[in-house]
Amino acid sequence: MVISENVLKWAMRIYPPLLFQRIWVVRFEKDFRGVRAKINKSLINSNYNNSIFGGTIFTAADPFYPLLFHQVLMHKGYKVRVWLKSAQINYLKPGRTDLFFNINITETEIEEVEHVLNTTGKHTKAYPIEMYNKEGELCVSVFTEVYIRNLGYSETNDTVSI
């Protein structure tokens, strides 16, 4: 479904898995070229060590690259299926305060995805996410492997339907 940045921002803010984990979408960038998000530390998502629960951090990393690529490609007329295939998360420092992260997709990355989708029909690549605490210290490093399939691609005659 093709929607606006503002509609998706509010949909994600009230989406129960994010809302109850206190994950807040600050904003989506114009044309879905990025997102800014925050994990609010609270009693609900704190662990025994009084830092943000690792599951909450992983939940925050999970949806955003697939959402961004899906919206960018849908706005360009592609019919795609996008999902997070795998992720590797490294907890570098306890998240004892709110955590913040930005994700940006460059025009070069979009062109690369389009080229691969138009030639092979599917694209898989890992993209980084870094999460920082209030003091600007790097606390979490995540690599999310995103799978994208062009549903309009046909191998039998190497044609692409957009």
N, C-alpha and C. Protein backbone atom coordinates (compact mmCIF):
# COMPACT_ATOMS: atom_id res chain seq x y z
N MET A 1 0.83 -1.16 0.00
CA MET A 1 0.00 0.00 0.00
C MET A 1 0.89 1.24 0.00
N VAL A 2 0.62 2.16 -0.89
CA VAL A 2 1.36 3.42 -0.98
C VAL A 2 0.69 4.42 -0.05
N ILE A 3 1.47 4.96 0.90
CA ILE A 3 0.94 5.93 1.86
C ILE A 3 1.94 7.07 2.03
N SER A 4 1.55 8.08 2.78
CA SER A 4 2.43 9.22 3.02
C SER A 4 3.33 8.96 4.22
N GLU A 5 4.38 9.77 4.34
CA GLU A 5 5.31 9.67 5.45
C GLU A 5 4.60 9.90 6.78
N ASN A 6 3.73 10.88 6.82
CA ASN A 6 3.04 11.23 8.06
C ASN A 6 2.08 10.13 8.50
N VAL A 7 1.36 9.55 7.55
CA VAL A 7 0.43 8.46 7.89
C VAL A 7 1.20 7.26 8.43
N LEU A 8 2.31 6.91 7.80
CA LEU A 8 3.09 5.77 8.28
C LEU A 8 3.69 6.06 9.65
N LYS A 9 4.14 7.29 9.86
CA LYS A 9 4.70 7.67 11.17
C LYS A 9 3.67 7.40 12.27
N TRP A 10 2.43 7.87 12.08
CA TRP A 10 1.41 7.69 13.10
C TRP A 10 0.96 6.23 13.21
N ALA A 11 0.92 5.54 12.10
CA ALA A 11 0.57 4.11 12.16
C ALA A 11 1.60 3.33 12.97
N MET A 12 2.87 3.66 12.78
CA MET A 12 3.94 2.98 13.52
C MET A 12 3.92 3.38 15.00
N ARG A 13 3.58 4.60 15.28
CA ARG A 13 3.53 5.06 16.68
C ARG A 13 2.47 4.31 17.49
N ILE A 14 1.34 3.98 16.86
CA ILE A 14 0.28 3.28 17.59
C ILE A 14 0.28 1.77 17.34
N TYR A 15 1.21 1.26 16.53
CA TYR A 15 1.32 -0.17 16.27
C TYR A 15 1.72 -0.86 17.58
N PRO A 16 0.88 -1.74 18.12
CA PRO A 16 1.11 -2.29 19.46
C PRO A 16 2.51 -2.85 19.75
N PRO A 17 3.14 -3.63 18.86
CA PRO A 17 4.48 -4.13 19.21
C PRO A 17 5.50 -3.01 19.45
N LEU A 18 5.35 -1.88 18.78
CA LEU A 18 6.26 -0.76 19.01
C LEU A 18 5.78 0.10 20.18
N LEU A 19 4.50 0.39 20.22
CA LEU A 19 3.94 1.23 21.27
C LEU A 19 4.22 0.66 22.65
N PHE A 20 3.96 -0.63 22.85
CA PHE A 20 4.13 -1.23 24.17
C PHE A 20 5.59 -1.43 24.55
N GLN A 21 6.48 -1.40 23.57
CA GLN A 21 7.91 -1.47 23.85
C GLN A 21 8.52 -0.07 23.97
N ARG A 22 7.67 0.96 23.82
CA ARG A 22 8.08 2.36 23.96
C ARG A 22 9.03 2.80 22.85
N ILE A 23 8.80 2.27 21.65
CA ILE A 23 9.58 2.64 20.47
C ILE A 23 8.78 3.71 19.73
N TRP A 24 9.40 4.85 19.51
CA TRP A 24 8.71 6.02 19.00
C TRP A 24 9.33 6.47 17.69
N VAL A 25 8.54 6.52 16.63
CA VAL A 25 9.00 7.05 15.35
C VAL A 25 8.93 8.57 15.44
N VAL A 26 10.09 9.22 15.38
CA VAL A 26 10.14 10.68 15.43
C VAL A 26 9.66 11.24 14.10
N ARG A 27 10.23 10.70 13.00
CA ARG A 27 9.77 11.14 11.67
C ARG A 27 10.34 10.24 10.58
N PHE A 28 9.60 10.19 9.48
CA PHE A 28 10.11 9.60 8.24
C PHE A 28 10.57 10.76 7.37
N GLU A 29 11.71 10.60 6.73
CA GLU A 29 12.23 11.63 5.84
C GLU A 29 11.39 11.68 4.56
N LYS A 30 11.50 12.77 3.84
CA LYS A 30 10.77 12.96 2.58
C LYS A 30 11.09 11.82 1.62
N ASP A 31 10.06 11.32 0.95
CA ASP A 31 10.16 10.22 -0.01
C ASP A 31 10.70 8.94 0.62
N PHE A 32 10.53 8.79 1.92
CA PHE A 32 10.94 7.59 2.66
C PHE A 32 12.43 7.28 2.50
N ARG A 33 13.24 8.32 2.42
CA ARG A 33 14.69 8.12 2.30
C ARG A 33 15.37 7.91 3.65
N GLY A 34 14.58 7.93 4.72
CA GLY A 34 15.14 7.71 6.04
C GLY A 34 14.09 7.76 7.12
N VAL A 35 14.53 7.41 8.33
CA VAL A 35 13.66 7.44 9.50
C VAL A 35 14.51 7.79 10.71
N ARG A 36 13.90 8.50 11.63
CA ARG A 36 14.51 8.80 12.92
C ARG A 36 13.61 8.20 13.98
N ALA A 37 14.20 7.41 14.90
CA ALA A 37 13.40 6.74 15.92
C ALA A 37 14.10 6.79 17.27
N LYS A 38 13.31 6.52 18.30
CA LYS A 38 13.79 6.60 19.67
C LYS A 38 13.20 5.44 20.46
N ILE A 39 14.01 4.84 21.32
CA ILE A 39 13.52 3.85 22.27
C ILE A 39 13.51 4.54 23.63
N ASN A 40 12.33 4.76 24.17
CA ASN A 40 12.19 5.39 25.47
C ASN A 40 12.38 4.35 26.56
N LYS A 41 13.39 4.52 27.40
CA LYS A 41 13.61 3.59 28.49
C LYS A 41 12.52 3.79 29.54
N SER A 42 11.94 2.69 30.00
CA SER A 42 10.89 2.77 31.01
C SER A 42 10.88 1.50 31.84
N LEU A 43 10.04 1.47 32.83
CA LEU A 43 9.88 0.28 33.66
C LEU A 43 9.44 -0.92 32.81
N ILE A 44 8.65 -0.66 31.78
CA ILE A 44 8.11 -1.73 30.94
C ILE A 44 9.18 -2.44 30.13
N ASN A 45 10.23 -1.73 29.71
CA ASN A 45 11.23 -2.36 28.84
C ASN A 45 12.63 -2.42 29.47
N SER A 46 12.70 -2.30 30.79
CA SER A 46 13.98 -2.42 31.49
C SER A 46 14.20 -3.85 31.96
N ASN A 47 15.44 -4.28 31.92
CA ASN A 47 15.77 -5.63 32.38
C ASN A 47 16.29 -5.60 33.81
N TYR A 48 16.77 -6.72 34.28
CA TYR A 48 17.27 -6.89 35.64
C TYR A 48 18.41 -5.92 35.96
N ASN A 49 19.20 -5.57 34.96
CA ASN A 49 20.36 -4.69 35.14
C ASN A 49 20.01 -3.21 34.96
N ASN A 50 18.73 -2.91 34.87
CA ASN A 50 18.24 -1.54 34.68
C ASN A 50 18.71 -0.91 33.37
N SER A 51 18.85 -1.74 32.34
CA SER A 51 19.11 -1.23 30.99
C SER A 51 17.98 -1.71 30.09
N ILE A 52 17.91 -1.17 28.89
CA ILE A 52 16.82 -1.54 27.99
C ILE A 52 16.98 -3.01 27.58
N PHE A 53 15.90 -3.74 27.68
CA PHE A 53 15.84 -5.16 27.34
C PHE A 53 16.28 -5.35 25.88
N GLY A 54 17.12 -6.36 25.65
CA GLY A 54 17.63 -6.62 24.31
C GLY A 54 16.53 -6.90 23.29
N GLY A 55 15.44 -7.52 23.72
CA GLY A 55 14.33 -7.78 22.82
C GLY A 55 13.68 -6.50 22.32
N THR A 56 13.64 -5.49 23.17
CA THR A 56 13.09 -4.20 22.77
C THR A 56 13.99 -3.57 21.71
N ILE A 57 15.29 -3.65 21.93
CA ILE A 57 16.25 -3.08 20.97
C ILE A 57 16.12 -3.79 19.63
N PHE A 58 16.01 -5.11 19.68
CA PHE A 58 15.87 -5.88 18.44
C PHE A 58 14.55 -5.54 17.74
N THR A 59 13.49 -5.38 18.52
CA THR A 59 12.19 -5.00 17.95
C THR A 59 12.28 -3.67 17.22
N ALA A 60 13.04 -2.73 17.79
CA ALA A 60 13.20 -1.42 17.16
C ALA A 60 13.96 -1.52 15.84
N ALA A 61 14.91 -2.42 15.75
CA ALA A 61 15.72 -2.56 14.53
C ALA A 61 14.98 -3.30 13.42
N ASP A 62 14.04 -4.13 13.77
CA ASP A 62 13.41 -5.04 12.82
C ASP A 62 12.68 -4.41 11.63
N PRO A 63 11.76 -3.46 11.80
CA PRO A 63 10.88 -3.13 10.68
C PRO A 63 11.34 -2.05 9.71
N PHE A 64 12.31 -1.23 10.08
CA PHE A 64 12.47 0.03 9.36
C PHE A 64 13.10 -0.07 7.98
N TYR A 65 14.17 -0.82 7.79
CA TYR A 65 14.71 -0.95 6.43
C TYR A 65 13.69 -1.57 5.47
N PRO A 66 13.03 -2.68 5.86
CA PRO A 66 12.00 -3.21 4.95
C PRO A 66 10.90 -2.20 4.65
N LEU A 67 10.44 -1.46 5.65
CA LEU A 67 9.40 -0.45 5.40
C LEU A 67 9.88 0.62 4.43
N LEU A 68 11.08 1.12 4.65
CA LEU A 68 11.60 2.18 3.79
C LEU A 68 11.73 1.69 2.35
N PHE A 69 12.37 0.53 2.15
CA PHE A 69 12.53 0.02 0.79
C PHE A 69 11.18 -0.27 0.15
N HIS A 70 10.26 -0.82 0.92
CA HIS A 70 8.94 -1.12 0.37
C HIS A 70 8.26 0.15 -0.12
N GLN A 71 8.26 1.20 0.69
CA GLN A 71 7.60 2.44 0.30
C GLN A 71 8.31 3.12 -0.87
N VAL A 72 9.63 3.15 -0.85
CA VAL A 72 10.37 3.77 -1.96
C VAL A 72 10.04 3.07 -3.27
N LEU A 73 10.08 1.74 -3.25
CA LEU A 73 9.84 0.98 -4.48
C LEU A 73 8.37 1.03 -4.90
N MET A 74 7.45 1.00 -3.96
CA MET A 74 6.03 1.11 -4.31
C MET A 74 5.73 2.48 -4.93
N HIS A 75 6.34 3.54 -4.40
CA HIS A 75 6.14 4.87 -4.97
C HIS A 75 6.73 4.96 -6.38
N LYS A 76 7.70 4.11 -6.70
CA LYS A 76 8.28 4.08 -8.04
C LYS A 76 7.50 3.16 -8.98
N GLY A 77 6.46 2.51 -8.46
CA GLY A 77 5.61 1.68 -9.30
C GLY A 77 5.91 0.19 -9.26
N TYR A 78 6.85 -0.23 -8.46
CA TYR A 78 7.17 -1.66 -8.35
C TYR A 78 6.15 -2.35 -7.47
N LYS A 79 5.90 -3.61 -7.78
CA LYS A 79 5.12 -4.47 -6.90
C LYS A 79 6.15 -5.41 -6.27
N VAL A 80 6.38 -5.25 -4.97
CA VAL A 80 7.46 -5.98 -4.31
C VAL A 80 6.98 -6.64 -3.02
N ARG A 81 7.74 -7.63 -2.61
CA ARG A 81 7.61 -8.23 -1.29
C ARG A 81 8.94 -7.97 -0.59
N VAL A 82 8.89 -7.37 0.59
CA VAL A 82 10.10 -7.00 1.33
C VAL A 82 9.97 -7.50 2.76
N TRP A 83 11.02 -8.13 3.25
CA TRP A 83 11.01 -8.58 4.64
C TRP A 83 12.43 -8.66 5.18
N LEU A 84 12.54 -8.69 6.50
CA LEU A 84 13.83 -8.84 7.15
C LEU A 84 14.18 -10.32 7.17
N LYS A 85 15.24 -10.67 6.47
CA LYS A 85 15.63 -12.07 6.35
C LYS A 85 16.42 -12.54 7.58
N SER A 86 17.32 -11.69 8.05
CA SER A 86 18.11 -12.03 9.24
C SER A 86 18.67 -10.75 9.83
N ALA A 87 19.21 -10.88 11.04
CA ALA A 87 19.83 -9.73 11.68
C ALA A 87 20.92 -10.22 12.63
N GLN A 88 21.94 -9.40 12.75
CA GLN A 88 23.00 -9.66 13.71
C GLN A 88 23.09 -8.43 14.60
N ILE A 89 22.99 -8.62 15.89
CA ILE A 89 22.98 -7.49 16.81
C ILE A 89 24.14 -7.62 17.79
N ASN A 90 24.84 -6.52 17.98
CA ASN A 90 25.95 -6.47 18.93
C ASN A 90 25.64 -5.41 19.97
N TYR A 91 25.52 -5.86 21.21
CA TYR A 91 25.28 -4.95 22.32
C TYR A 91 26.65 -4.50 22.82
N LEU A 92 27.01 -3.26 22.56
CA LEU A 92 28.33 -2.76 22.89
C LEU A 92 28.40 -2.13 24.27
N LYS A 93 27.29 -1.58 24.71
CA LYS A 93 27.22 -0.88 25.98
C LYS A 93 25.76 -0.94 26.45
N PRO A 94 25.52 -1.10 27.76
CA PRO A 94 24.13 -1.15 28.23
C PRO A 94 23.38 0.13 27.88
N GLY A 95 22.13 -0.03 27.45
CA GLY A 95 21.27 1.11 27.16
C GLY A 95 20.60 1.57 28.45
N ARG A 96 21.29 2.36 29.23
CA ARG A 96 20.76 2.81 30.52
C ARG A 96 19.93 4.09 30.41
N THR A 97 19.92 4.70 29.23
CA THR A 97 19.07 5.86 28.95
C THR A 97 18.29 5.56 27.68
N ASP A 98 17.49 6.51 27.24
CA ASP A 98 16.82 6.37 25.95
C ASP A 98 17.87 6.11 24.88
N LEU A 99 17.49 5.38 23.84
CA LEU A 99 18.38 5.13 22.70
C LEU A 99 17.78 5.79 21.46
N PHE A 100 18.65 6.27 20.59
CA PHE A 100 18.24 6.98 19.38
C PHE A 100 18.93 6.36 18.18
N PHE A 101 18.23 6.34 17.04
CA PHE A 101 18.89 5.91 15.81
C PHE A 101 18.25 6.55 14.59
N ASN A 102 19.08 6.70 13.56
CA ASN A 102 18.67 7.22 12.26
C ASN A 102 19.02 6.17 11.22
N ILE A 103 18.15 6.02 10.26
CA ILE A 103 18.42 5.17 9.11
C ILE A 103 18.22 6.03 7.88
N ASN A 104 19.17 5.96 6.96
CA ASN A 104 19.06 6.70 5.70
C ASN A 104 19.36 5.77 4.55
N ILE A 105 18.58 5.89 3.49
CA ILE A 105 18.81 5.13 2.26
C ILE A 105 19.26 6.12 1.19
N THR A 106 20.40 5.84 0.59
CA THR A 106 20.94 6.74 -0.42
C THR A 106 20.35 6.44 -1.79
N GLU A 107 20.48 7.40 -2.68
CA GLU A 107 20.02 7.20 -4.06
C GLU A 107 20.81 6.07 -4.72
N THR A 108 22.09 5.96 -4.40
CA THR A 108 22.92 4.88 -4.94
C THR A 108 22.40 3.52 -4.50
N GLU A 109 22.00 3.39 -3.24
CA GLU A 109 21.45 2.12 -2.75
C GLU A 109 20.15 1.79 -3.46
N ILE A 110 19.32 2.79 -3.68
CA ILE A 110 18.05 2.57 -4.38
C ILE A 110 18.30 2.14 -5.82
N GLU A 111 19.24 2.79 -6.50
CA GLU A 111 19.57 2.42 -7.87
C GLU A 111 20.12 1.01 -7.94
N GLU A 112 20.94 0.63 -6.96
CA GLU A 112 21.48 -0.74 -6.92
C GLU A 112 20.35 -1.75 -6.78
N VAL A 113 19.43 -1.49 -5.87
CA VAL A 113 18.30 -2.40 -5.66
C VAL A 113 17.47 -2.51 -6.94
N GLU A 114 17.16 -1.37 -7.56
CA GLU A 114 16.37 -1.39 -8.79
C GLU A 114 17.06 -2.19 -9.89
N HIS A 115 18.37 -1.99 -10.04
CA HIS A 115 19.12 -2.72 -11.07
C HIS A 115 19.03 -4.23 -10.84
N VAL A 116 19.26 -4.66 -9.60
CA VAL A 116 19.22 -6.09 -9.29
C VAL A 116 17.80 -6.64 -9.47
N LEU A 117 16.80 -5.91 -9.02
CA LEU A 117 15.42 -6.37 -9.18
C LEU A 117 15.02 -6.50 -10.64
N ASN A 118 15.53 -5.60 -11.47
CA ASN A 118 15.20 -5.64 -12.89
C ASN A 118 15.98 -6.70 -13.66
N THR A 119 17.09 -7.19 -13.09
CA THR A 119 17.89 -8.19 -13.81
C THR A 119 17.74 -9.60 -13.24
N THR A 120 17.54 -9.73 -11.93
CA THR A 120 17.43 -11.07 -11.34
C THR A 120 16.11 -11.31 -10.62
N GLY A 121 15.40 -10.24 -10.31
CA GLY A 121 14.10 -10.37 -9.66
C GLY A 121 14.13 -10.36 -8.15
N LYS A 122 15.33 -10.53 -7.53
CA LYS A 122 15.38 -10.49 -6.08
C LYS A 122 16.72 -9.92 -5.60
N HIS A 123 16.68 -9.31 -4.44
CA HIS A 123 17.85 -8.64 -3.89
C HIS A 123 17.94 -8.92 -2.40
N THR A 124 19.13 -9.27 -1.91
CA THR A 124 19.37 -9.48 -0.49
C THR A 124 20.66 -8.77 -0.12
N LYS A 125 20.59 -7.95 0.92
CA LYS A 125 21.78 -7.23 1.36
C LYS A 125 21.62 -6.81 2.82
N ALA A 126 22.73 -6.75 3.55
CA ALA A 126 22.72 -6.31 4.95
C ALA A 126 22.95 -4.80 5.02
N TYR A 127 22.19 -4.17 5.88
CA TYR A 127 22.29 -2.72 6.09
C TYR A 127 22.50 -2.45 7.58
N PRO A 128 23.31 -1.43 7.92
CA PRO A 128 23.63 -1.18 9.33
C PRO A 128 22.65 -0.25 10.03
N ILE A 129 22.53 -0.45 11.33
CA ILE A 129 21.82 0.47 12.21
C ILE A 129 22.69 0.65 13.45
N GLU A 130 22.92 1.89 13.84
CA GLU A 130 23.67 2.17 15.06
C GLU A 130 22.78 2.95 16.01
N MET A 131 22.75 2.51 17.26
CA MET A 131 21.90 3.15 18.27
C MET A 131 22.78 3.80 19.33
N TYR A 132 22.42 5.03 19.67
CA TYR A 132 23.21 5.83 20.59
C TYR A 132 22.39 6.21 21.81
N ASN A 133 23.09 6.39 22.95
CA ASN A 133 22.41 6.86 24.16
C ASN A 133 22.34 8.38 24.17
N LYS A 134 21.81 8.95 25.25
CA LYS A 134 21.64 10.41 25.34
C LYS A 134 22.97 11.15 25.29
N GLU A 135 24.04 10.49 25.72
CA GLU A 135 25.36 11.12 25.72
C GLU A 135 26.06 11.00 24.36
N GLY A 136 25.41 10.36 23.41
CA GLY A 136 25.99 10.18 22.08
C GLY A 136 26.93 9.01 21.96
N GLU A 137 26.93 8.13 22.96
CA GLU A 137 27.80 6.95 22.93
C GLU A 137 27.13 5.82 22.17
N LEU A 138 27.89 5.14 21.33
CA LEU A 138 27.37 4.00 20.57
C LEU A 138 27.11 2.84 21.53
N CYS A 139 25.87 2.38 21.57
CA CYS A 139 25.49 1.28 22.47
C CYS A 139 25.18 -0.01 21.73
N VAL A 140 24.63 0.11 20.53
CA VAL A 140 24.18 -1.07 19.79
C VAL A 140 24.52 -0.92 18.32
N SER A 141 25.02 -2.00 17.73
CA SER A 141 25.29 -2.06 16.30
C SER A 141 24.52 -3.26 15.73
N VAL A 142 23.71 -3.01 14.72
CA VAL A 142 22.87 -4.05 14.14
C VAL A 142 23.11 -4.11 12.63
N PHE A 143 23.17 -5.31 12.08
CA PHE A 143 23.17 -5.49 10.63
C PHE A 143 21.91 -6.26 10.29
N THR A 144 21.05 -5.61 9.51
CA THR A 144 19.78 -6.23 9.13
C THR A 144 19.85 -6.64 7.67
N GLU A 145 19.63 -7.91 7.41
CA GLU A 145 19.65 -8.43 6.04
C GLU A 145 18.24 -8.34 5.47
N VAL A 146 18.09 -7.52 4.44
CA VAL A 146 16.78 -7.26 3.85
C VAL A 146 16.64 -8.05 2.55
N TYR A 147 15.51 -8.72 2.42
CA TYR A 147 15.19 -9.48 1.20
C TYR A 147 14.10 -8.73 0.45
N ILE A 148 14.33 -8.50 -0.84
CA ILE A 148 13.35 -7.80 -1.68
C ILE A 148 13.11 -8.64 -2.93
N ARG A 149 11.85 -8.93 -3.23
CA ARG A 149 11.49 -9.66 -4.45
C ARG A 149 10.60 -8.78 -5.31
N ASN A 150 10.96 -8.69 -6.59
CA ASN A 150 10.15 -7.97 -7.57
C ASN A 150 9.08 -8.95 -8.06
N LEU A 151 7.85 -8.72 -7.66
CA LEU A 151 6.76 -9.63 -8.03
C LEU A 151 6.38 -9.50 -9.50
N GLY A 152 6.87 -8.46 -10.16
CA GLY A 152 6.59 -8.27 -11.58
C GLY A 152 7.66 -8.85 -12.48
N TYR A 153 8.71 -9.47 -11.91
CA TYR A 153 9.80 -10.02 -12.70
C TYR A 153 9.44 -11.41 -13.19
N SER A 154 9.76 -11.69 -14.45
CA SER A 154 9.51 -13.00 -15.03
C SER A 154 10.81 -13.55 -15.60
N GLU A 155 11.29 -14.69 -15.07
CA GLU A 155 12.55 -15.28 -15.54
C GLU A 155 12.42 -15.89 -16.94
N THR A 156 11.23 -16.34 -17.30
CA THR A 156 11.07 -17.05 -18.56
C THR A 156 11.37 -16.19 -19.77
N ASN A 157 11.03 -14.91 -19.69
CA ASN A 157 11.33 -14.06 -20.84
C ASN A 157 12.16 -12.83 -20.47
N ASP A 158 12.75 -12.86 -19.23
CA ASP A 158 13.60 -11.75 -18.77
C ASP A 158 12.95 -10.39 -18.93
N THR A 159 11.68 -10.30 -18.69
CA THR A 159 11.02 -9.00 -18.77
C THR A 159 10.59 -8.57 -17.38
N VAL A 160 10.44 -7.31 -17.23
CA VAL A 160 10.04 -6.75 -15.96
C VAL A 160 8.75 -5.96 -16.15
N SER A 161 7.83 -6.22 -15.28
CA SER A 161 6.59 -5.47 -15.29
C SER A 161 6.59 -4.56 -14.07
N ILE A 162 6.51 -3.27 -14.30
CA ILE A 162 6.51 -2.33 -13.18
C ILE A 162 5.10 -1.85 -12.93
